[in-house]
Amino acid sequence: MSENSNDKRKKAPSKVDNVFVIQILDQEHGTWQGRVTWADRNKTKYFRSALELIKLVEGALGSSDFEIGFDDESEELSEQASLVGDGRDVNAG
């Protein structure tokens, strides 16, 4: 093989952006609850519905700064979801 043909090979990308790990922790009221982790940023957000999951992912893809604000109720639900995901009873307490 000539040196020229080696130069024409495509190189694999060195970094993959926007890798999401989605964990479905529960399914109630006809929708999913769980968490999504941005693997390249090691950041996790909890979602209460499939629509909220889509909005989180869409927000991350549409902006380099994907901070999405949650109200106090949502943060509380996120904490409860993490306890449910760990197998602990959120009402035991």
PDB file of N, CA and C in Angstrom:
ATOM      1  N   MET A   1       0.833  -1.198   0.000  1.00  0.00           N
ATOM      2  CA  MET A   1       0.000   0.000   0.000  1.00  0.00           C
ATOM      3  C   MET A   1       0.866   1.245   0.000  1.00  0.00           C
ATOM      4  N   SER A   2       0.453   2.192  -0.745  1.00  0.00           N
ATOM      5  CA  SER A   2       1.221   3.426  -0.797  1.00  0.00           C
ATOM      6  C   SER A   2       0.882   4.317   0.389  1.00  0.00           C
ATOM      7  N   GLU A   3       1.753   5.242   0.662  1.00  0.00           N
ATOM      8  CA  GLU A   3       1.549   6.183   1.766  1.00  0.00           C
ATOM      9  C   GLU A   3       0.326   7.064   1.523  1.00  0.00           C
ATOM     10  N   ASN A   4       0.052   7.360   0.259  1.00  0.00           N
ATOM     11  CA  ASN A   4      -1.091   8.192  -0.107  1.00  0.00           C
ATOM     12  C   ASN A   4      -2.420   7.562   0.286  1.00  0.00           C
ATOM     13  N   SER A   5      -2.561   6.248   0.083  1.00  0.00           N
ATOM     14  CA  SER A   5      -3.826   5.589   0.412  1.00  0.00           C
ATOM     15  C   SER A   5      -4.060   5.571   1.922  1.00  0.00           C
ATOM     16  N   ASN A   6      -3.018   5.529   2.706  1.00  0.00           N
ATOM     17  CA  ASN A   6      -3.159   5.581   4.166  1.00  0.00           C
ATOM     18  C   ASN A   6      -3.649   6.943   4.634  1.00  0.00           C
ATOM     19  N   ASP A   7      -3.264   7.988   3.935  1.00  0.00           N
ATOM     20  CA  ASP A   7      -3.666   9.340   4.314  1.00  0.00           C
ATOM     21  C   ASP A   7      -5.153   9.585   4.085  1.00  0.00           C
ATOM     22  N   LYS A   8      -5.750   8.806   3.189  1.00  0.00           N
ATOM     23  CA  LYS A   8      -7.150   9.019   2.848  1.00  0.00           C
ATOM     24  C   LYS A   8      -8.117   8.341   3.822  1.00  0.00           C
ATOM     25  N   ARG A   9      -7.615   7.552   4.743  1.00  0.00           N
ATOM     26  CA  ARG A   9      -8.487   6.894   5.715  1.00  0.00           C
ATOM     27  C   ARG A   9      -9.133   7.925   6.624  1.00  0.00           C
ATOM     28  N   LYS A  10     -10.360   7.632   6.960  1.00  0.00           N
ATOM     29  CA  LYS A  10     -11.057   8.532   7.878  1.00  0.00           C
ATOM     30  C   LYS A  10     -10.628   8.218   9.303  1.00  0.00           C
ATOM     31  N   LYS A  11     -10.433   9.264  10.068  1.00  0.00           N
ATOM     32  CA  LYS A  11     -10.079   9.094  11.472  1.00  0.00           C
ATOM     33  C   LYS A  11     -11.347   9.045  12.310  1.00  0.00           C
ATOM     34  N   ALA A  12     -11.314   8.221  13.326  1.00  0.00           N
ATOM     35  CA  ALA A  12     -12.444   8.155  14.257  1.00  0.00           C
ATOM     36  C   ALA A  12     -12.473   9.435  15.078  1.00  0.00           C
ATOM     37  N   PRO A  13     -13.658   9.914  15.421  1.00  0.00           N
ATOM     38  CA  PRO A  13     -13.728  11.123  16.241  1.00  0.00           C
ATOM     39  C   PRO A  13     -13.059  10.888  17.589  1.00  0.00           C
ATOM     40  N   SER A  14     -12.363  11.896  18.057  1.00  0.00           N
ATOM     41  CA  SER A  14     -11.639  11.753  19.319  1.00  0.00           C
ATOM     42  C   SER A  14     -12.548  11.937  20.524  1.00  0.00           C
ATOM     43  N   LYS A  15     -13.679  12.610  20.335  1.00  0.00           N
ATOM     44  CA  LYS A  15     -14.587  12.861  21.449  1.00  0.00           C
ATOM     45  C   LYS A  15     -16.020  12.808  20.937  1.00  0.00           C
ATOM     46  N   VAL A  16     -16.870  12.186  21.724  1.00  0.00           N
ATOM     47  CA  VAL A  16     -18.288  12.119  21.382  1.00  0.00           C
ATOM     48  C   VAL A  16     -19.025  13.086  22.294  1.00  0.00           C
ATOM     49  N   ASP A  17     -19.777  13.996  21.696  1.00  0.00           N
ATOM     50  CA  ASP A  17     -20.549  14.963  22.471  1.00  0.00           C
ATOM     51  C   ASP A  17     -21.969  14.461  22.658  1.00  0.00           C
ATOM     52  N   ASN A  18     -22.619  15.004  23.676  1.00  0.00           N
ATOM     53  CA  ASN A  18     -24.039  14.752  23.913  1.00  0.00           C
ATOM     54  C   ASN A  18     -24.370  13.274  24.091  1.00  0.00           C
ATOM     55  N   VAL A  19     -23.700  12.648  25.031  1.00  0.00           N
ATOM     56  CA  VAL A  19     -24.011  11.270  25.391  1.00  0.00           C
ATOM     57  C   VAL A  19     -24.923  11.309  26.602  1.00  0.00           C
ATOM     58  N   PHE A  20     -26.106  10.710  26.463  1.00  0.00           N
ATOM     59  CA  PHE A  20     -27.094  10.702  27.535  1.00  0.00           C
ATOM     60  C   PHE A  20     -27.308   9.276  28.019  1.00  0.00           C
ATOM     61  N   VAL A  21     -27.353   9.107  29.331  1.00  0.00           N
ATOM     62  CA  VAL A  21     -27.733   7.833  29.933  1.00  0.00           C
ATOM     63  C   VAL A  21     -29.081   8.065  30.590  1.00  0.00           C
ATOM     64  N   ILE A  22     -30.104   7.367  30.105  1.00  0.00           N
ATOM     65  CA  ILE A  22     -31.463   7.553  30.606  1.00  0.00           C
ATOM     66  C   ILE A  22     -31.842   6.328  31.415  1.00  0.00           C
ATOM     67  N   GLN A  23     -32.243   6.572  32.663  1.00  0.00           N
ATOM     68  CA  GLN A  23     -32.676   5.491  33.541  1.00  0.00           C
ATOM     69  C   GLN A  23     -34.133   5.717  33.906  1.00  0.00           C
ATOM     70  N   ILE A  24     -34.982   4.768  33.548  1.00  0.00           N
ATOM     71  CA  ILE A  24     -36.392   4.824  33.904  1.00  0.00           C
ATOM     72  C   ILE A  24     -36.524   4.154  35.268  1.00  0.00           C
ATOM     73  N   LEU A  25     -36.924   4.929  36.278  1.00  0.00           N
ATOM     74  CA  LEU A  25     -37.031   4.418  37.637  1.00  0.00           C
ATOM     75  C   LEU A  25     -38.438   3.956  37.979  1.00  0.00           C
ATOM     76  N   ASP A  26     -39.433   4.520  37.309  1.00  0.00           N
ATOM     77  CA  ASP A  26     -40.820   4.191  37.614  1.00  0.00           C
ATOM     78  C   ASP A  26     -41.681   4.538  36.410  1.00  0.00           C
ATOM     79  N   GLN A  27     -42.879   3.995  36.408  1.00  0.00           N
ATOM     80  CA  GLN A  27     -43.844   4.313  35.355  1.00  0.00           C
ATOM     81  C   GLN A  27     -45.209   4.446  36.017  1.00  0.00           C
ATOM     82  N   GLU A  28     -45.676   5.678  36.119  1.00  0.00           N
ATOM     83  CA  GLU A  28     -46.977   5.960  36.718  1.00  0.00           C
ATOM     84  C   GLU A  28     -47.722   6.947  35.839  1.00  0.00           C
ATOM     85  N   HIS A  29     -49.042   6.879  35.881  1.00  0.00           N
ATOM     86  CA  HIS A  29     -49.905   7.821  35.159  1.00  0.00           C
ATOM     87  C   HIS A  29     -49.602   7.843  33.663  1.00  0.00           C
ATOM     88  N   GLY A  30     -49.234   6.685  33.131  1.00  0.00           N
ATOM     89  CA  GLY A  30     -49.006   6.580  31.696  1.00  0.00           C
ATOM     90  C   GLY A  30     -47.746   7.249  31.192  1.00  0.00           C
ATOM     91  N   THR A  31     -46.797   7.536  32.076  1.00  0.00           N
ATOM     92  CA  THR A  31     -45.554   8.167  31.634  1.00  0.00           C
ATOM     93  C   THR A  31     -44.403   7.673  32.498  1.00  0.00           C
ATOM     94  N   TRP A  32     -43.188   8.071  32.148  1.00  0.00           N
ATOM     95  CA  TRP A  32     -41.988   7.613  32.830  1.00  0.00           C
ATOM     96  C   TRP A  32     -41.505   8.633  33.844  1.00  0.00           C
ATOM     97  N   GLN A  33     -40.890   8.136  34.897  1.00  0.00           N
ATOM     98  CA  GLN A  33     -40.131   8.960  35.824  1.00  0.00           C
ATOM     99  C   GLN A  33     -38.740   8.331  35.926  1.00  0.00           C
ATOM    100  N   GLY A  34     -37.745   9.187  36.018  1.00  0.00           N
ATOM    101  CA  GLY A  34     -36.392   8.655  36.094  1.00  0.00           C
ATOM    102  C   GLY A  34     -35.358   9.749  36.114  1.00  0.00           C
ATOM    103  N   ARG A  35     -34.175   9.412  35.612  1.00  0.00           N
ATOM    104  CA  ARG A  35     -33.084  10.385  35.586  1.00  0.00           C
ATOM    105  C   ARG A  35     -32.326  10.267  34.278  1.00  0.00           C
ATOM    106  N   VAL A  36     -31.787  11.383  33.878  1.00  0.00           N
ATOM    107  CA  VAL A  36     -30.951  11.434  32.683  1.00  0.00           C
ATOM    108  C   VAL A  36     -29.602  12.011  33.099  1.00  0.00           C
ATOM    109  N   THR A  37     -28.540  11.355  32.664  1.00  0.00           N
ATOM    110  CA  THR A  37     -27.183  11.791  32.990  1.00  0.00           C
ATOM    111  C   THR A  37     -26.471  12.164  31.704  1.00  0.00           C
ATOM    112  N   TRP A  38     -25.871  13.348  31.698  1.00  0.00           N
ATOM    113  CA  TRP A  38     -25.030  13.778  30.589  1.00  0.00           C
ATOM    114  C   TRP A  38     -23.654  13.198  30.880  1.00  0.00           C
ATOM    115  N   ALA A  39     -23.289  12.146  30.156  1.00  0.00           N
ATOM    116  CA  ALA A  39     -22.069  11.404  30.454  1.00  0.00           C
ATOM    117  C   ALA A  39     -20.819  12.259  30.289  1.00  0.00           C
ATOM    118  N   ASP A  40     -20.806  13.129  29.289  1.00  0.00           N
ATOM    119  CA  ASP A  40     -19.610  13.929  29.042  1.00  0.00           C
ATOM    120  C   ASP A  40     -19.441  15.044  30.071  1.00  0.00           C
ATOM    121  N   ARG A  41     -20.493  15.373  30.819  1.00  0.00           N
ATOM    122  CA  ARG A  41     -20.414  16.426  31.839  1.00  0.00           C
ATOM    123  C   ARG A  41     -20.643  15.889  33.242  1.00  0.00           C
ATOM    124  N   ASN A  42     -20.976  14.607  33.353  1.00  0.00           N
ATOM    125  CA  ASN A  42     -21.240  13.960  34.633  1.00  0.00           C
ATOM    126  C   ASN A  42     -22.266  14.740  35.453  1.00  0.00           C
ATOM    127  N   LYS A  43     -23.345  15.142  34.803  1.00  0.00           N
ATOM    128  CA  LYS A  43     -24.413  15.896  35.451  1.00  0.00           C
ATOM    129  C   LYS A  43     -25.710  15.116  35.298  1.00  0.00           C
ATOM    130  N   THR A  44     -26.492  15.034  36.386  1.00  0.00           N
ATOM    131  CA  THR A  44     -27.734  14.265  36.386  1.00  0.00           C
ATOM    132  C   THR A  44     -28.907  15.153  36.734  1.00  0.00           C
ATOM    133  N   LYS A  45     -30.004  14.967  36.004  1.00  0.00           N
ATOM    134  CA  LYS A  45     -31.275  15.637  36.303  1.00  0.00           C
ATOM    135  C   LYS A  45     -32.363  14.580  36.353  1.00  0.00           C
ATOM    136  N   TYR A  46     -33.323  14.777  37.236  1.00  0.00           N
ATOM    137  CA  TYR A  46     -34.469  13.887  37.339  1.00  0.00           C
ATOM    138  C   TYR A  46     -35.628  14.446  36.528  1.00  0.00           C
ATOM    139  N   PHE A  47     -36.444  13.544  35.975  1.00  0.00           N
ATOM    140  CA  PHE A  47     -37.619  13.971  35.224  1.00  0.00           C
ATOM    141  C   PHE A  47     -38.841  13.230  35.745  1.00  0.00           C
ATOM    142  N   ARG A  48     -39.990  13.904  35.623  1.00  0.00           N
ATOM    143  CA  ARG A  48     -41.256  13.368  36.125  1.00  0.00           C
ATOM    144  C   ARG A  48     -42.146  12.836  35.018  1.00  0.00           C
ATOM    145  N   SER A  49     -41.793  13.101  33.778  1.00  0.00           N
ATOM    146  CA  SER A  49     -42.605  12.643  32.649  1.00  0.00           C
ATOM    147  C   SER A  49     -41.717  12.527  31.417  1.00  0.00           C
ATOM    148  N   ALA A  50     -42.229  11.802  30.428  1.00  0.00           N
ATOM    149  CA  ALA A  50     -41.493  11.676  29.170  1.00  0.00           C
ATOM    150  C   ALA A  50     -41.324  13.042  28.511  1.00  0.00           C
ATOM    151  N   LEU A  51     -42.340  13.886  28.637  1.00  0.00           N
ATOM    152  CA  LEU A  51     -42.249  15.232  28.067  1.00  0.00           C
ATOM    153  C   LEU A  51     -41.125  16.030  28.731  1.00  0.00           C
ATOM    154  N   GLU A  52     -41.018  15.930  30.044  1.00  0.00           N
ATOM    155  CA  GLU A  52     -39.947  16.634  30.749  1.00  0.00           C
ATOM    156  C   GLU A  52     -38.583  16.089  30.328  1.00  0.00           C
ATOM    157  N   LEU A  53     -38.480  14.778  30.118  1.00  0.00           N
ATOM    158  CA  LEU A  53     -37.239  14.179  29.625  1.00  0.00           C
ATOM    159  C   LEU A  53     -36.865  14.759  28.266  1.00  0.00           C
ATOM    160  N   ILE A  54     -37.838  14.831  27.380  1.00  0.00           N
ATOM    161  CA  ILE A  54     -37.585  15.386  26.044  1.00  0.00           C
ATOM    162  C   ILE A  54     -37.122  16.833  26.139  1.00  0.00           C
ATOM    163  N   LYS A  55     -37.744  17.608  27.016  1.00  0.00           N
ATOM    164  CA  LYS A  55     -37.346  19.012  27.176  1.00  0.00           C
ATOM    165  C   LYS A  55     -35.930  19.130  27.727  1.00  0.00           C
ATOM    166  N   LEU A  56     -35.560  18.253  28.656  1.00  0.00           N
ATOM    167  CA  LEU A  56     -34.200  18.274  29.199  1.00  0.00           C
ATOM    168  C   LEU A  56     -33.172  17.979  28.107  1.00  0.00           C
ATOM    169  N   VAL A  57     -33.423  16.937  27.339  1.00  0.00           N
ATOM    170  CA  VAL A  57     -32.491  16.564  26.274  1.00  0.00           C
ATOM    171  C   VAL A  57     -32.446  17.648  25.203  1.00  0.00           C
ATOM    172  N   GLU A  58     -33.607  18.146  24.821  1.00  0.00           N
ATOM    173  CA  GLU A  58     -33.667  19.213  23.818  1.00  0.00           C
ATOM    174  C   GLU A  58     -32.912  20.454  24.295  1.00  0.00           C
ATOM    175  N   GLY A  59     -33.064  20.794  25.563  1.00  0.00           N
ATOM    176  CA  GLY A  59     -32.355  21.942  26.116  1.00  0.00           C
ATOM    177  C   GLY A  59     -30.854  21.746  26.102  1.00  0.00           C
ATOM    178  N   ALA A  60     -30.416  20.523  26.371  1.00  0.00           N
ATOM    179  CA  ALA A  60     -28.983  20.234  26.359  1.00  0.00           C
ATOM    180  C   ALA A  60     -28.419  20.289  24.947  1.00  0.00           C
ATOM    181  N   LEU A  61     -29.192  19.842  23.974  1.00  0.00           N
ATOM    182  CA  LEU A  61     -28.720  19.853  22.587  1.00  0.00           C
ATOM    183  C   LEU A  61     -28.734  21.248  21.986  1.00  0.00           C
ATOM    184  N   GLY A  62     -29.634  22.093  22.462  1.00  0.00           N
ATOM    185  CA  GLY A  62     -29.798  23.411  21.872  1.00  0.00           C
ATOM    186  C   GLY A  62     -28.906  24.477  22.451  1.00  0.00           C
ATOM    187  N   SER A  63     -28.171  24.150  23.513  1.00  0.00           N
ATOM    188  CA  SER A  63     -27.398  25.184  24.186  1.00  0.00           C
ATOM    189  C   SER A  63     -26.192  24.577  24.864  1.00  0.00           C
ATOM    190  N   SER A  64     -25.097  25.330  24.899  1.00  0.00           N
ATOM    191  CA  SER A  64     -23.927  24.851  25.628  1.00  0.00           C
ATOM    192  C   SER A  64     -24.136  25.005  27.129  1.00  0.00           C
ATOM    193  N   ASP A  65     -24.983  25.945  27.525  1.00  0.00           N
ATOM    194  CA  ASP A  65     -25.328  26.128  28.933  1.00  0.00           C
ATOM    195  C   ASP A  65     -26.745  25.605  29.120  1.00  0.00           C
ATOM    196  N   PHE A  66     -26.863  24.355  29.580  1.00  0.00           N
ATOM    197  CA  PHE A  66     -28.167  23.713  29.605  1.00  0.00           C
ATOM    198  C   PHE A  66     -28.797  23.710  30.984  1.00  0.00           C
ATOM    199  N   GLU A  67     -28.470  24.672  31.816  1.00  0.00           N
ATOM    200  CA  GLU A  67     -29.100  24.756  33.129  1.00  0.00           C
ATOM    201  C   GLU A  67     -30.585  25.020  32.961  1.00  0.00           C
ATOM    202  N   ILE A  68     -31.385  24.114  33.446  1.00  0.00           N
ATOM    203  CA  ILE A  68     -32.833  24.268  33.386  1.00  0.00           C
ATOM    204  C   ILE A  68     -33.327  24.443  34.804  1.00  0.00           C
ATOM    205  N   GLY A  69     -34.005  25.533  35.041  1.00  0.00           N
ATOM    206  CA  GLY A  69     -34.475  25.821  36.386  1.00  0.00           C
ATOM    207  C   GLY A  69     -35.655  24.960  36.771  1.00  0.00           C
ATOM    208  N   PHE A  70     -35.667  24.550  38.023  1.00  0.00           N
ATOM    209  CA  PHE A  70     -36.783  23.807  38.574  1.00  0.00           C
ATOM    210  C   PHE A  70     -37.306  24.560  39.774  1.00  0.00           C
ATOM    211  N   ASP A  71     -38.608  24.457  39.991  1.00  0.00           N
ATOM    212  CA  ASP A  71     -39.173  25.056  41.191  1.00  0.00           C
ATOM    213  C   ASP A  71     -38.904  24.139  42.382  1.00  0.00           C
ATOM    214  N   ASP A  72     -39.250  24.603  43.588  1.00  0.00           N
ATOM    215  CA  ASP A  72     -38.985  23.835  44.798  1.00  0.00           C
ATOM    216  C   ASP A  72     -39.669  22.476  44.769  1.00  0.00           C
ATOM    217  N   GLU A  73     -40.888  22.417  44.236  1.00  0.00           N
ATOM    218  CA  GLU A  73     -41.622  21.160  44.181  1.00  0.00           C
ATOM    219  C   GLU A  73     -40.878  20.138  43.330  1.00  0.00           C
ATOM    220  N   SER A  74     -40.321  20.592  42.224  1.00  0.00           N
ATOM    221  CA  SER A  74     -39.603  19.692  41.339  1.00  0.00           C
ATOM    222  C   SER A  74     -38.336  19.170  42.001  1.00  0.00           C
ATOM    223  N   GLU A  75     -37.621  20.042  42.696  1.00  0.00           N
ATOM    224  CA  GLU A  75     -36.417  19.614  43.398  1.00  0.00           C
ATOM    225  C   GLU A  75     -36.762  18.574  44.457  1.00  0.00           C
ATOM    226  N   GLU A  76     -37.877  18.794  45.169  1.00  0.00           N
ATOM    227  CA  GLU A  76     -38.307  17.835  46.178  1.00  0.00           C
ATOM    228  C   GLU A  76     -38.640  16.497  45.527  1.00  0.00           C
ATOM    229  N   LEU A  77     -39.322  16.528  44.389  1.00  0.00           N
ATOM    230  CA  LEU A  77     -39.645  15.302  43.670  1.00  0.00           C
ATOM    231  C   LEU A  77     -38.379  14.613  43.181  1.00  0.00           C
ATOM    232  N   SER A  78     -37.388  15.394  42.791  1.00  0.00           N
ATOM    233  CA  SER A  78     -36.127  14.815  42.349  1.00  0.00           C
ATOM    234  C   SER A  78     -35.447  14.070  43.485  1.00  0.00           C
ATOM    235  N   GLU A  79     -35.483  14.655  44.671  1.00  0.00           N
ATOM    236  CA  GLU A  79     -34.892  13.992  45.826  1.00  0.00           C
ATOM    237  C   GLU A  79     -35.647  12.708  46.140  1.00  0.00           C
ATOM    238  N   GLN A  80     -36.969  12.747  46.050  1.00  0.00           N
ATOM    239  CA  GLN A  80     -37.764  11.552  46.301  1.00  0.00           C
ATOM    240  C   GLN A  80     -37.477  10.491  45.249  1.00  0.00           C
ATOM    241  N   ALA A  81     -37.334  10.911  44.018  1.00  0.00           N
ATOM    242  CA  ALA A  81     -37.047   9.958  42.945  1.00  0.00           C
ATOM    243  C   ALA A  81     -35.709   9.281  43.176  1.00  0.00           C
ATOM    244  N   SER A  82     -34.734  10.014  43.695  1.00  0.00           N
ATOM    245  CA  SER A  82     -33.437   9.402  43.958  1.00  0.00           C
ATOM    246  C   SER A  82     -33.549   8.375  45.068  1.00  0.00           C
ATOM    247  N   LEU A  83     -34.397   8.628  46.053  1.00  0.00           N
ATOM    248  CA  LEU A  83     -34.596   7.657  47.120  1.00  0.00           C
ATOM    249  C   LEU A  83     -35.308   6.420  46.596  1.00  0.00           C
ATOM    250  N   VAL A  84     -36.296   6.613  45.734  1.00  0.00           N
ATOM    251  CA  VAL A  84     -37.007   5.481  45.137  1.00  0.00           C
ATOM    252  C   VAL A  84     -36.039   4.669  44.290  1.00  0.00           C
ATOM    253  N   GLY A  85     -35.193   5.360  43.541  1.00  0.00           N
ATOM    254  CA  GLY A  85     -34.215   4.679  42.700  1.00  0.00           C
ATOM    255  C   GLY A  85     -33.203   3.886  43.502  1.00  0.00           C
ATOM    256  N   ASP A  86     -32.968   4.287  44.757  1.00  0.00           N
ATOM    257  CA  ASP A  86     -32.046   3.570  45.624  1.00  0.00           C
ATOM    258  C   ASP A  86     -32.731   2.443  46.382  1.00  0.00           C
ATOM    259  N   GLY A  87     -34.042   2.283  46.181  1.00  0.00           N
ATOM    260  CA  GLY A  87     -34.773   1.220  46.849  1.00  0.00           C
ATOM    261  C   GLY A  87     -35.248   1.575  48.239  1.00  0.00           C
ATOM    262  N   ARG A  88     -35.115   2.831  48.632  1.00  0.00           N
ATOM    263  CA  ARG A  88     -35.569   3.257  49.956  1.00  0.00           C
ATOM    264  C   ARG A  88     -36.985   3.786  49.877  1.00  0.00           C
ATOM    265  N   ASP A  89     -37.714   3.662  50.964  1.00  0.00           N
ATOM    266  CA  ASP A  89     -39.084   4.156  51.034  1.00  0.00           C
ATOM    267  C   ASP A  89     -39.042   5.635  51.377  1.00  0.00           C
ATOM    268  N   VAL A  90     -39.585   6.485  50.492  1.00  0.00           N
ATOM    269  CA  VAL A  90     -39.543   7.928  50.717  1.00  0.00           C
ATOM    270  C   VAL A  90     -40.436   8.353  51.865  1.00  0.00           C
ATOM    271  N   ASN A  91     -41.436   7.556  52.208  1.00  0.00           N
ATOM    272  CA  ASN A  91     -42.346   7.919  53.290  1.00  0.00           C
ATOM    273  C   ASN A  91     -41.878   7.415  54.644  1.00  0.00           C
ATOM    274  N   ALA A  92     -40.865   6.595  54.669  1.00  0.00           N
ATOM    275  CA  ALA A  92     -40.337   6.114  55.950  1.00  0.00           C
ATOM    276  C   ALA A  92     -39.412   7.178  56.504  1.00  0.00           C
ATOM    277  N   GLY A  93     -39.814   7.691  57.616  1.00  0.00           N
ATOM    278  CA  GLY A  93     -38.984   8.695  57.962  1.00  0.00           C
ATOM    279  C   GLY A  93     -38.618   9.462  58.984  1.00  0.00           C
TER     280      GLY A  93
END
